[in-house]
């Protein structure tokens, strides 16, 4: 399966978010709270 890492505000269900630094400012990305189950092994692409 595949889950989407999206910019803040683009996913329709409950999310967890993380901000990070850009060259000039910050950005924030989100995953659905059910994108990954505890213990699952993940590859980021």
ModelCIF file with pLDDT and N, C-alpha, C, O atoms, coordinates in Angstrom:
data_MODEL
#
_entry.id   MODEL 
#
_entity.id                         1 
_entity.type                       polymer 
_entity.pdbx_number_of_molecules   1 
#
_entity_poly.entity_id                      1 
_entity_poly.type                           'polypeptide(L)' 
_entity_poly.nstd_linkage                   no 
_entity_poly.nstd_monomer                   no 
_entity_poly.pdbx_seq_one_letter_code       
;(UNK)(UNK)(UNK)(UNK)(UNK)(UNK)(UNK)(UNK)(UNK)(UNK)(UNK)(UNK)(UNK)(UNK)(UNK)(UNK)
(UNK)(UNK)(UNK)(UNK)(UNK)(UNK)(UNK)(UNK)(UNK)(UNK)(UNK)(UNK)(UNK)(UNK)(UNK)(UNK)
(UNK)(UNK)(UNK)(UNK)(UNK)(UNK)(UNK)(UNK)(UNK)(UNK)(UNK)(UNK)(UNK)
;
_entity_poly.pdbx_seq_one_letter_code_can   XXXXXXXXXXXXXXXXXXXXXXXXXXXXXXXXXXXXXXXXXXXXX 
_entity_poly.pdbx_strand_id                 A 
#
loop_
_entity_poly_seq.entity_id 
_entity_poly_seq.num 
_entity_poly_seq.mon_id 
_entity_poly_seq.hetero 
1 1  UNK n 
1 2  UNK n 
1 3  UNK n 
1 4  UNK n 
1 5  UNK n 
1 6  UNK n 
1 7  UNK n 
1 8  UNK n 
1 9  UNK n 
1 10 UNK n 
1 11 UNK n 
1 12 UNK n 
1 13 UNK n 
1 14 UNK n 
1 15 UNK n 
1 16 UNK n 
1 17 UNK n 
1 18 UNK n 
1 19 UNK n 
1 20 UNK n 
1 21 UNK n 
1 22 UNK n 
1 23 UNK n 
1 24 UNK n 
1 25 UNK n 
1 26 UNK n 
1 27 UNK n 
1 28 UNK n 
1 29 UNK n 
1 30 UNK n 
1 31 UNK n 
1 32 UNK n 
1 33 UNK n 
1 34 UNK n 
1 35 UNK n 
1 36 UNK n 
1 37 UNK n 
1 38 UNK n 
1 39 UNK n 
1 40 UNK n 
1 41 UNK n 
1 42 UNK n 
1 43 UNK n 
1 44 UNK n 
1 45 UNK n 
#
_struct_asym.id          A 
_struct_asym.entity_id   1 
#
loop_
_ma_qa_metric.id 
_ma_qa_metric.mode 
_ma_qa_metric.name 
_ma_qa_metric.software_group_id 
_ma_qa_metric.type 
1 global pLDDT . pLDDT 
2 local  pLDDT . pLDDT 
#
_ma_qa_metric_global.metric_id      1 
_ma_qa_metric_global.metric_value   94.69 
_ma_qa_metric_global.model_id       1 
_ma_qa_metric_global.ordinal_id     1 
#
loop_
_ma_qa_metric_local.label_asym_id 
_ma_qa_metric_local.label_comp_id 
_ma_qa_metric_local.label_seq_id 
_ma_qa_metric_local.metric_id 
_ma_qa_metric_local.metric_value 
_ma_qa_metric_local.model_id 
_ma_qa_metric_local.ordinal_id 
A UNK 1  2 98.00 1 1  
A UNK 2  2 98.00 1 2  
A UNK 3  2 98.00 1 3  
A UNK 4  2 98.00 1 4  
A UNK 5  2 98.00 1 5  
A UNK 6  2 98.00 1 6  
A UNK 7  2 96.00 1 7  
A UNK 8  2 96.00 1 8  
A UNK 9  2 96.00 1 9  
A UNK 10 2 97.00 1 10 
A UNK 11 2 97.00 1 11 
A UNK 12 2 96.00 1 12 
A UNK 13 2 97.00 1 13 
A UNK 14 2 98.00 1 14 
A UNK 15 2 98.00 1 15 
A UNK 16 2 98.00 1 16 
A UNK 17 2 97.00 1 17 
A UNK 18 2 97.00 1 18 
A UNK 19 2 95.00 1 19 
A UNK 20 2 92.00 1 20 
A UNK 21 2 85.00 1 21 
A UNK 22 2 76.00 1 22 
A UNK 23 2 69.00 1 23 
A UNK 24 2 73.00 1 24 
A UNK 25 2 80.00 1 25 
A UNK 26 2 90.00 1 26 
A UNK 27 2 93.00 1 27 
A UNK 28 2 96.00 1 28 
A UNK 29 2 97.00 1 29 
A UNK 30 2 98.00 1 30 
A UNK 31 2 98.00 1 31 
A UNK 32 2 98.00 1 32 
A UNK 33 2 98.00 1 33 
A UNK 34 2 98.00 1 34 
A UNK 35 2 97.00 1 35 
A UNK 36 2 96.00 1 36 
A UNK 37 2 97.00 1 37 
A UNK 38 2 98.00 1 38 
A UNK 39 2 98.00 1 39 
A UNK 40 2 98.00 1 40 
A UNK 41 2 98.00 1 41 
A UNK 42 2 98.00 1 42 
A UNK 43 2 98.00 1 43 
A UNK 44 2 98.00 1 44 
A UNK 45 2 98.00 1 45 
#
loop_
_atom_site.group_PDB 
_atom_site.id 
_atom_site.type_symbol 
_atom_site.label_atom_id 
_atom_site.label_alt_id 
_atom_site.label_comp_id 
_atom_site.label_asym_id 
_atom_site.label_entity_id 
_atom_site.label_seq_id 
_atom_site.pdbx_PDB_ins_code 
_atom_site.Cartn_x 
_atom_site.Cartn_y 
_atom_site.Cartn_z 
_atom_site.occupancy 
_atom_site.B_iso_or_equiv 
_atom_site.pdbx_formal_charge 
_atom_site.auth_seq_id 
_atom_site.auth_comp_id 
_atom_site.auth_asym_id 
_atom_site.auth_atom_id 
_atom_site.pdbx_PDB_model_num 
ATOM 1   N N  . UNK A 1 1  ? 0.832   -1.197 0.000  1.00 98.00 ? 1  UNK A N  1 
ATOM 2   C CA . UNK A 1 1  ? 0.000   0.000  0.000  1.00 98.00 ? 1  UNK A CA 1 
ATOM 3   C C  . UNK A 1 1  ? 0.867   1.247  0.000  1.00 98.00 ? 1  UNK A C  1 
ATOM 4   O O  . UNK A 1 1  ? 2.069   1.192  0.258  1.00 98.00 ? 1  UNK A O  1 
ATOM 5   N N  . UNK A 1 2  ? 0.231   2.369  -0.295 1.00 98.00 ? 2  UNK A N  1 
ATOM 6   C CA . UNK A 1 2  ? 0.937   3.645  -0.315 1.00 98.00 ? 2  UNK A CA 1 
ATOM 7   C C  . UNK A 1 2  ? 0.101   4.688  0.413  1.00 98.00 ? 2  UNK A C  1 
ATOM 8   O O  . UNK A 1 2  ? -1.120  4.737  0.268  1.00 98.00 ? 2  UNK A O  1 
ATOM 9   N N  . UNK A 1 3  ? 0.771   5.514  1.189  1.00 98.00 ? 3  UNK A N  1 
ATOM 10  C CA . UNK A 1 3  ? 0.112   6.644  1.843  1.00 98.00 ? 3  UNK A CA 1 
ATOM 11  C C  . UNK A 1 3  ? 0.761   7.933  1.372  1.00 98.00 ? 3  UNK A C  1 
ATOM 12  O O  . UNK A 1 3  ? 1.932   7.953  0.994  1.00 98.00 ? 3  UNK A O  1 
ATOM 13  N N  . UNK A 1 4  ? -0.008  8.998  1.399  1.00 98.00 ? 4  UNK A N  1 
ATOM 14  C CA . UNK A 1 4  ? 0.431   10.283 0.861  1.00 98.00 ? 4  UNK A CA 1 
ATOM 15  C C  . UNK A 1 4  ? 0.905   11.225 1.952  1.00 98.00 ? 4  UNK A C  1 
ATOM 16  O O  . UNK A 1 4  ? 0.200   11.461 2.933  1.00 98.00 ? 4  UNK A O  1 
ATOM 17  N N  . UNK A 1 5  ? 2.097   11.756 1.775  1.00 98.00 ? 5  UNK A N  1 
ATOM 18  C CA . UNK A 1 5  ? 2.604   12.854 2.594  1.00 98.00 ? 5  UNK A CA 1 
ATOM 19  C C  . UNK A 1 5  ? 2.247   14.130 1.844  1.00 98.00 ? 5  UNK A C  1 
ATOM 20  O O  . UNK A 1 5  ? 2.736   14.374 0.741  1.00 98.00 ? 5  UNK A O  1 
ATOM 21  N N  . UNK A 1 6  ? 1.378   14.947 2.462  1.00 98.00 ? 6  UNK A N  1 
ATOM 22  C CA . UNK A 1 6  ? 0.874   16.132 1.767  1.00 98.00 ? 6  UNK A CA 1 
ATOM 23  C C  . UNK A 1 6  ? 1.173   17.393 2.555  1.00 98.00 ? 6  UNK A C  1 
ATOM 24  O O  . UNK A 1 6  ? 1.472   17.351 3.748  1.00 98.00 ? 6  UNK A O  1 
ATOM 25  N N  . UNK A 1 7  ? 1.086   18.516 1.856  1.00 96.00 ? 7  UNK A N  1 
ATOM 26  C CA . UNK A 1 7  ? 1.173   19.818 2.511  1.00 96.00 ? 7  UNK A CA 1 
ATOM 27  C C  . UNK A 1 7  ? -0.032  19.989 3.422  1.00 96.00 ? 7  UNK A C  1 
ATOM 28  O O  . UNK A 1 7  ? -1.097  19.421 3.178  1.00 96.00 ? 7  UNK A O  1 
ATOM 29  N N  . UNK A 1 8  ? 0.149   20.772 4.467  1.00 96.00 ? 8  UNK A N  1 
ATOM 30  C CA . UNK A 1 8  ? -0.909  20.982 5.455  1.00 96.00 ? 8  UNK A CA 1 
ATOM 31  C C  . UNK A 1 8  ? -2.199  21.436 4.790  1.00 96.00 ? 8  UNK A C  1 
ATOM 32  O O  . UNK A 1 8  ? -2.200  22.302 3.915  1.00 96.00 ? 8  UNK A O  1 
ATOM 33  N N  . UNK A 1 9  ? -3.306  20.825 5.232  1.00 96.00 ? 9  UNK A N  1 
ATOM 34  C CA . UNK A 1 9  ? -4.623  21.223 4.750  1.00 96.00 ? 9  UNK A CA 1 
ATOM 35  C C  . UNK A 1 9  ? -5.108  20.509 3.504  1.00 96.00 ? 9  UNK A C  1 
ATOM 36  O O  . UNK A 1 9  ? -6.195  20.812 3.013  1.00 96.00 ? 9  UNK A O  1 
ATOM 37  N N  . UNK A 1 10 ? -4.337  19.572 2.979  1.00 97.00 ? 10 UNK A N  1 
ATOM 38  C CA . UNK A 1 10 ? -4.714  18.900 1.729  1.00 97.00 ? 10 UNK A CA 1 
ATOM 39  C C  . UNK A 1 10 ? -5.344  17.520 1.941  1.00 97.00 ? 10 UNK A C  1 
ATOM 40  O O  . UNK A 1 10 ? -5.947  16.975 1.016  1.00 97.00 ? 10 UNK A O  1 
ATOM 41  N N  . UNK A 1 11 ? -5.215  16.953 3.134  1.00 97.00 ? 11 UNK A N  1 
ATOM 42  C CA . UNK A 1 11 ? -5.781  15.629 3.401  1.00 97.00 ? 11 UNK A CA 1 
ATOM 43  C C  . UNK A 1 11 ? -7.137  15.770 4.072  1.00 97.00 ? 11 UNK A C  1 
ATOM 44  O O  . UNK A 1 11 ? -7.298  16.625 4.942  1.00 97.00 ? 11 UNK A O  1 
ATOM 45  N N  . UNK A 1 12 ? -8.126  14.951 3.693  1.00 96.00 ? 12 UNK A N  1 
ATOM 46  C CA . UNK A 1 12 ? -9.499  15.145 4.156  1.00 96.00 ? 12 UNK A CA 1 
ATOM 47  C C  . UNK A 1 12 ? -9.828  14.543 5.529  1.00 96.00 ? 12 UNK A C  1 
ATOM 48  O O  . UNK A 1 12 ? -10.829 14.921 6.136  1.00 96.00 ? 12 UNK A O  1 
ATOM 49  N N  . UNK A 1 13 ? -9.008  13.618 6.024  1.00 97.00 ? 13 UNK A N  1 
ATOM 50  C CA . UNK A 1 13 ? -9.312  12.930 7.274  1.00 97.00 ? 13 UNK A CA 1 
ATOM 51  C C  . UNK A 1 13 ? -8.423  13.485 8.384  1.00 97.00 ? 13 UNK A C  1 
ATOM 52  O O  . UNK A 1 13 ? -7.621  14.386 8.138  1.00 97.00 ? 13 UNK A O  1 
ATOM 53  N N  . UNK A 1 14 ? -8.555  12.967 9.579  1.00 98.00 ? 14 UNK A N  1 
ATOM 54  C CA . UNK A 1 14 ? -7.724  13.393 10.710 1.00 98.00 ? 14 UNK A CA 1 
ATOM 55  C C  . UNK A 1 14 ? -6.256  13.140 10.391 1.00 98.00 ? 14 UNK A C  1 
ATOM 56  O O  . UNK A 1 14 ? -5.896  12.117 9.809  1.00 98.00 ? 14 UNK A O  1 
ATOM 57  N N  . UNK A 1 15 ? -5.420  14.093 10.784 1.00 98.00 ? 15 UNK A N  1 
ATOM 58  C CA . UNK A 1 15 ? -4.004  14.029 10.420 1.00 98.00 ? 15 UNK A CA 1 
ATOM 59  C C  . UNK A 1 15 ? -3.089  14.260 11.617 1.00 98.00 ? 15 UNK A C  1 
ATOM 60  O O  . UNK A 1 15 ? -3.513  14.743 12.667 1.00 98.00 ? 15 UNK A O  1 
ATOM 61  N N  . UNK A 1 16 ? -1.822  13.902 11.426 1.00 98.00 ? 16 UNK A N  1 
ATOM 62  C CA . UNK A 1 16 ? -0.724  14.354 12.279 1.00 98.00 ? 16 UNK A CA 1 
ATOM 63  C C  . UNK A 1 16 ? 0.137   15.232 11.380 1.00 98.00 ? 16 UNK A C  1 
ATOM 64  O O  . UNK A 1 16 ? 0.259   14.978 10.182 1.00 98.00 ? 16 UNK A O  1 
ATOM 65  N N  . UNK A 1 17 ? 0.731   16.264 11.967 1.00 97.00 ? 17 UNK A N  1 
ATOM 66  C CA . UNK A 1 17 ? 1.504   17.188 11.144 1.00 97.00 ? 17 UNK A CA 1 
ATOM 67  C C  . UNK A 1 17 ? 2.878   17.431 11.755 1.00 97.00 ? 17 UNK A C  1 
ATOM 68  O O  . UNK A 1 17 ? 3.111   17.216 12.945 1.00 97.00 ? 17 UNK A O  1 
ATOM 69  N N  . UNK A 1 18 ? 3.774   17.887 10.890 1.00 97.00 ? 18 UNK A N  1 
ATOM 70  C CA . UNK A 1 18 ? 5.142   18.190 11.304 1.00 97.00 ? 18 UNK A CA 1 
ATOM 71  C C  . UNK A 1 18 ? 5.621   19.384 10.492 1.00 97.00 ? 18 UNK A C  1 
ATOM 72  O O  . UNK A 1 18 ? 5.533   19.391 9.264  1.00 97.00 ? 18 UNK A O  1 
ATOM 73  N N  . UNK A 1 19 ? 6.129   20.394 11.193 1.00 95.00 ? 19 UNK A N  1 
ATOM 74  C CA . UNK A 1 19 ? 6.693   21.545 10.487 1.00 95.00 ? 19 UNK A CA 1 
ATOM 75  C C  . UNK A 1 19 ? 8.193   21.340 10.311 1.00 95.00 ? 19 UNK A C  1 
ATOM 76  O O  . UNK A 1 19 ? 8.820   20.567 11.036 1.00 95.00 ? 19 UNK A O  1 
ATOM 77  N N  . UNK A 1 20 ? 8.746   22.037 9.348  1.00 92.00 ? 20 UNK A N  1 
ATOM 78  C CA . UNK A 1 20 ? 10.184  21.964 9.095  1.00 92.00 ? 20 UNK A CA 1 
ATOM 79  C C  . UNK A 1 20 ? 10.646  23.277 8.487  1.00 92.00 ? 20 UNK A C  1 
ATOM 80  O O  . UNK A 1 20 ? 9.850   24.047 7.948  1.00 92.00 ? 20 UNK A O  1 
ATOM 81  N N  . UNK A 1 21 ? 11.950  23.518 8.584  1.00 85.00 ? 21 UNK A N  1 
ATOM 82  C CA . UNK A 1 21 ? 12.545  24.770 8.119  1.00 85.00 ? 21 UNK A CA 1 
ATOM 83  C C  . UNK A 1 21 ? 12.824  24.734 6.620  1.00 85.00 ? 21 UNK A C  1 
ATOM 84  O O  . UNK A 1 21 ? 13.317  23.743 6.080  1.00 85.00 ? 21 UNK A O  1 
ATOM 85  N N  . UNK A 1 22 ? 12.498  25.829 5.977  1.00 76.00 ? 22 UNK A N  1 
ATOM 86  C CA . UNK A 1 22 ? 12.870  26.054 4.585  1.00 76.00 ? 22 UNK A CA 1 
ATOM 87  C C  . UNK A 1 22 ? 13.991  27.085 4.569  1.00 76.00 ? 22 UNK A C  1 
ATOM 88  O O  . UNK A 1 22 ? 14.363  27.626 5.610  1.00 76.00 ? 22 UNK A O  1 
ATOM 89  N N  . UNK A 1 23 ? 14.522  27.352 3.390  1.00 69.00 ? 23 UNK A N  1 
ATOM 90  C CA . UNK A 1 23 ? 15.578  28.356 3.277  1.00 69.00 ? 23 UNK A CA 1 
ATOM 91  C C  . UNK A 1 23 ? 15.087  29.704 3.807  1.00 69.00 ? 23 UNK A C  1 
ATOM 92  O O  . UNK A 1 23 ? 15.827  30.419 4.483  1.00 69.00 ? 23 UNK A O  1 
ATOM 93  N N  . UNK A 1 24 ? 13.831  30.046 3.492  1.00 73.00 ? 24 UNK A N  1 
ATOM 94  C CA . UNK A 1 24 ? 13.241  31.295 3.962  1.00 73.00 ? 24 UNK A CA 1 
ATOM 95  C C  . UNK A 1 24 ? 11.879  31.003 4.557  1.00 73.00 ? 24 UNK A C  1 
ATOM 96  O O  . UNK A 1 24 ? 10.864  31.189 3.884  1.00 73.00 ? 24 UNK A O  1 
ATOM 97  N N  . UNK A 1 25 ? 11.828  30.550 5.805  1.00 80.00 ? 25 UNK A N  1 
ATOM 98  C CA . UNK A 1 25 ? 10.554  30.298 6.459  1.00 80.00 ? 25 UNK A CA 1 
ATOM 99  C C  . UNK A 1 25 ? 10.381  28.848 6.852  1.00 80.00 ? 25 UNK A C  1 
ATOM 100 O O  . UNK A 1 25 ? 11.349  28.107 7.023  1.00 80.00 ? 25 UNK A O  1 
ATOM 101 N N  . UNK A 1 26 ? 9.115   28.459 6.993  1.00 90.00 ? 26 UNK A N  1 
ATOM 102 C CA . UNK A 1 26 ? 8.805   27.088 7.390  1.00 90.00 ? 26 UNK A CA 1 
ATOM 103 C C  . UNK A 1 26 ? 7.698   26.528 6.504  1.00 90.00 ? 26 UNK A C  1 
ATOM 104 O O  . UNK A 1 26 ? 6.991   27.265 5.817  1.00 90.00 ? 26 UNK A O  1 
ATOM 105 N N  . UNK A 1 27 ? 7.570   25.226 6.540  1.00 93.00 ? 27 UNK A N  1 
ATOM 106 C CA . UNK A 1 27 ? 6.486   24.525 5.849  1.00 93.00 ? 27 UNK A CA 1 
ATOM 107 C C  . UNK A 1 27 ? 5.981   23.447 6.793  1.00 93.00 ? 27 UNK A C  1 
ATOM 108 O O  . UNK A 1 27 ? 6.605   23.161 7.814  1.00 93.00 ? 27 UNK A O  1 
ATOM 109 N N  . UNK A 1 28 ? 4.847   22.851 6.444  1.00 96.00 ? 28 UNK A N  1 
ATOM 110 C CA . UNK A 1 28 ? 4.269   21.818 7.283  1.00 96.00 ? 28 UNK A CA 1 
ATOM 111 C C  . UNK A 1 28 ? 3.688   20.729 6.385  1.00 96.00 ? 28 UNK A C  1 
ATOM 112 O O  . UNK A 1 28 ? 3.037   21.015 5.380  1.00 96.00 ? 28 UNK A O  1 
ATOM 113 N N  . UNK A 1 29 ? 3.935   19.473 6.767  1.00 97.00 ? 29 UNK A N  1 
ATOM 114 C CA . UNK A 1 29 ? 3.404   18.331 6.028  1.00 97.00 ? 29 UNK A CA 1 
ATOM 115 C C  . UNK A 1 29 ? 2.572   17.473 6.969  1.00 97.00 ? 29 UNK A C  1 
ATOM 116 O O  . UNK A 1 29 ? 2.710   17.541 8.190  1.00 97.00 ? 29 UNK A O  1 
ATOM 117 N N  . UNK A 1 30 ? 1.696   16.657 6.365  1.00 98.00 ? 30 UNK A N  1 
ATOM 118 C CA . UNK A 1 30 ? 0.779   15.840 7.153  1.00 98.00 ? 30 UNK A CA 1 
ATOM 119 C C  . UNK A 1 30 ? 0.655   14.438 6.568  1.00 98.00 ? 30 UNK A C  1 
ATOM 120 O O  . UNK A 1 30 ? 0.893   14.201 5.384  1.00 98.00 ? 30 UNK A O  1 
ATOM 121 N N  . UNK A 1 31 ? 0.271   13.521 7.455  1.00 98.00 ? 31 UNK A N  1 
ATOM 122 C CA . UNK A 1 31 ? -0.156  12.174 7.092  1.00 98.00 ? 31 UNK A CA 1 
ATOM 123 C C  . UNK A 1 31 ? -1.496  11.931 7.767  1.00 98.00 ? 31 UNK A C  1 
ATOM 124 O O  . UNK A 1 31 ? -1.760  12.484 8.835  1.00 98.00 ? 31 UNK A O  1 
ATOM 125 N N  . UNK A 1 32 ? -2.339  11.117 7.164  1.00 98.00 ? 32 UNK A N  1 
ATOM 126 C CA . UNK A 1 32 ? -3.545  10.671 7.862  1.00 98.00 ? 32 UNK A CA 1 
ATOM 127 C C  . UNK A 1 32 ? -3.131  9.876  9.098  1.00 98.00 ? 32 UNK A C  1 
ATOM 128 O O  . UNK A 1 32 ? -2.104  9.198  9.088  1.00 98.00 ? 32 UNK A O  1 
ATOM 129 N N  . UNK A 1 33 ? -3.927  9.961  10.155 1.00 98.00 ? 33 UNK A N  1 
ATOM 130 C CA . UNK A 1 33 ? -3.579  9.256  11.394 1.00 98.00 ? 33 UNK A CA 1 
ATOM 131 C C  . UNK A 1 33 ? -3.579  7.742  11.214 1.00 98.00 ? 33 UNK A C  1 
ATOM 132 O O  . UNK A 1 33 ? -2.966  7.031  12.009 1.00 98.00 ? 33 UNK A O  1 
ATOM 133 N N  . UNK A 1 34 ? -4.248  7.241  10.194 1.00 98.00 ? 34 UNK A N  1 
ATOM 134 C CA . UNK A 1 34 ? -4.277  5.801  9.943  1.00 98.00 ? 34 UNK A CA 1 
ATOM 135 C C  . UNK A 1 34 ? -3.388  5.389  8.755  1.00 98.00 ? 34 UNK A C  1 
ATOM 136 O O  . UNK A 1 34 ? -3.539  4.295  8.213  1.00 98.00 ? 34 UNK A O  1 
ATOM 137 N N  . UNK A 1 35 ? -2.469  6.270  8.360  1.00 97.00 ? 35 UNK A N  1 
ATOM 138 C CA . UNK A 1 35 ? -1.590  5.987  7.225  1.00 97.00 ? 35 UNK A CA 1 
ATOM 139 C C  . UNK A 1 35 ? -0.635  4.839  7.529  1.00 97.00 ? 35 UNK A C  1 
ATOM 140 O O  . UNK A 1 35 ? -0.220  4.104  6.632  1.00 97.00 ? 35 UNK A O  1 
ATOM 141 N N  . UNK A 1 36 ? -0.297  4.699  8.795  1.00 96.00 ? 36 UNK A N  1 
ATOM 142 C CA . UNK A 1 36 ? 0.650   3.678  9.237  1.00 96.00 ? 36 UNK A CA 1 
ATOM 143 C C  . UNK A 1 36 ? 0.127   3.093  10.537 1.00 96.00 ? 36 UNK A C  1 
ATOM 144 O O  . UNK A 1 36 ? -0.339  3.812  11.421 1.00 96.00 ? 36 UNK A O  1 
ATOM 145 N N  . UNK A 1 37 ? 0.213   1.787  10.634 1.00 97.00 ? 37 UNK A N  1 
ATOM 146 C CA . UNK A 1 37 ? -0.148  1.115  11.886 1.00 97.00 ? 37 UNK A CA 1 
ATOM 147 C C  . UNK A 1 37 ? 1.125   0.924  12.710 1.00 97.00 ? 37 UNK A C  1 
ATOM 148 O O  . UNK A 1 37 ? 2.198   0.727  12.141 1.00 97.00 ? 37 UNK A O  1 
ATOM 149 N N  . UNK A 1 38 ? 1.025   0.979  14.027 1.00 98.00 ? 38 UNK A N  1 
ATOM 150 C CA . UNK A 1 38 ? 2.215   0.773  14.860 1.00 98.00 ? 38 UNK A CA 1 
ATOM 151 C C  . UNK A 1 38 ? 2.952   -0.515 14.482 1.00 98.00 ? 38 UNK A C  1 
ATOM 152 O O  . UNK A 1 38 ? 2.348   -1.574 14.309 1.00 98.00 ? 38 UNK A O  1 
ATOM 153 N N  . UNK A 1 39 ? 4.263   -0.388 14.362 1.00 98.00 ? 39 UNK A N  1 
ATOM 154 C CA . UNK A 1 39 ? 5.103   -1.528 14.031 1.00 98.00 ? 39 UNK A CA 1 
ATOM 155 C C  . UNK A 1 39 ? 5.348   -1.732 12.554 1.00 98.00 ? 39 UNK A C  1 
ATOM 156 O O  . UNK A 1 39 ? 6.201   -2.538 12.183 1.00 98.00 ? 39 UNK A O  1 
ATOM 157 N N  . UNK A 1 40 ? 4.622   -1.025 11.694 1.00 98.00 ? 40 UNK A N  1 
ATOM 158 C CA . UNK A 1 40 ? 4.836   -1.205 10.261 1.00 98.00 ? 40 UNK A CA 1 
ATOM 159 C C  . UNK A 1 40 ? 6.181   -0.621 9.824  1.00 98.00 ? 40 UNK A C  1 
ATOM 160 O O  . UNK A 1 40 ? 6.637   0.401  10.337 1.00 98.00 ? 40 UNK A O  1 
ATOM 161 N N  . UNK A 1 41 ? 6.786   -1.295 8.875  1.00 98.00 ? 41 UNK A N  1 
ATOM 162 C CA . UNK A 1 41 ? 8.046   -0.851 8.288  1.00 98.00 ? 41 UNK A CA 1 
ATOM 163 C C  . UNK A 1 41 ? 7.716   -0.028 7.037  1.00 98.00 ? 41 UNK A C  1 
ATOM 164 O O  . UNK A 1 41 ? 6.878   -0.414 6.222  1.00 98.00 ? 41 UNK A O  1 
ATOM 165 N N  . UNK A 1 42 ? 8.394   1.111  6.910  1.00 98.00 ? 42 UNK A N  1 
ATOM 166 C CA . UNK A 1 42 ? 8.040   2.107  5.902  1.00 98.00 ? 42 UNK A CA 1 
ATOM 167 C C  . UNK A 1 42 ? 9.243   2.455  5.032  1.00 98.00 ? 42 UNK A C  1 
ATOM 168 O O  . UNK A 1 42 ? 10.366  2.593  5.515  1.00 98.00 ? 42 UNK A O  1 
ATOM 169 N N  . UNK A 1 43 ? 8.976   2.592  3.736  1.00 98.00 ? 43 UNK A N  1 
ATOM 170 C CA . UNK A 1 43 ? 9.943   3.184  2.811  1.00 98.00 ? 43 UNK A CA 1 
ATOM 171 C C  . UNK A 1 43 ? 9.363   4.526  2.363  1.00 98.00 ? 43 UNK A C  1 
ATOM 172 O O  . UNK A 1 43 ? 8.212   4.604  1.934  1.00 98.00 ? 43 UNK A O  1 
ATOM 173 N N  . UNK A 1 44 ? 10.172  5.573  2.467  1.00 98.00 ? 44 UNK A N  1 
ATOM 174 C CA . UNK A 1 44 ? 9.766   6.900  2.014  1.00 98.00 ? 44 UNK A CA 1 
ATOM 175 C C  . UNK A 1 44 ? 10.349  7.118  0.623  1.00 98.00 ? 44 UNK A C  1 
ATOM 176 O O  . UNK A 1 44 ? 11.537  6.889  0.397  1.00 98.00 ? 44 UNK A O  1 
ATOM 177 N N  . UNK A 1 45 ? 9.503   7.565  -0.310 1.00 98.00 ? 45 UNK A N  1 
ATOM 178 C CA . UNK A 1 45 ? 9.912   7.766  -1.703 1.00 98.00 ? 45 UNK A CA 1 
ATOM 179 C C  . UNK A 1 45 ? 9.652   9.219  -2.100 1.00 98.00 ? 45 UNK A C  1 
ATOM 180 O O  . UNK A 1 45 ? 9.925   9.606  -3.236 1.00 98.00 ? 45 UNK A O  1 
#
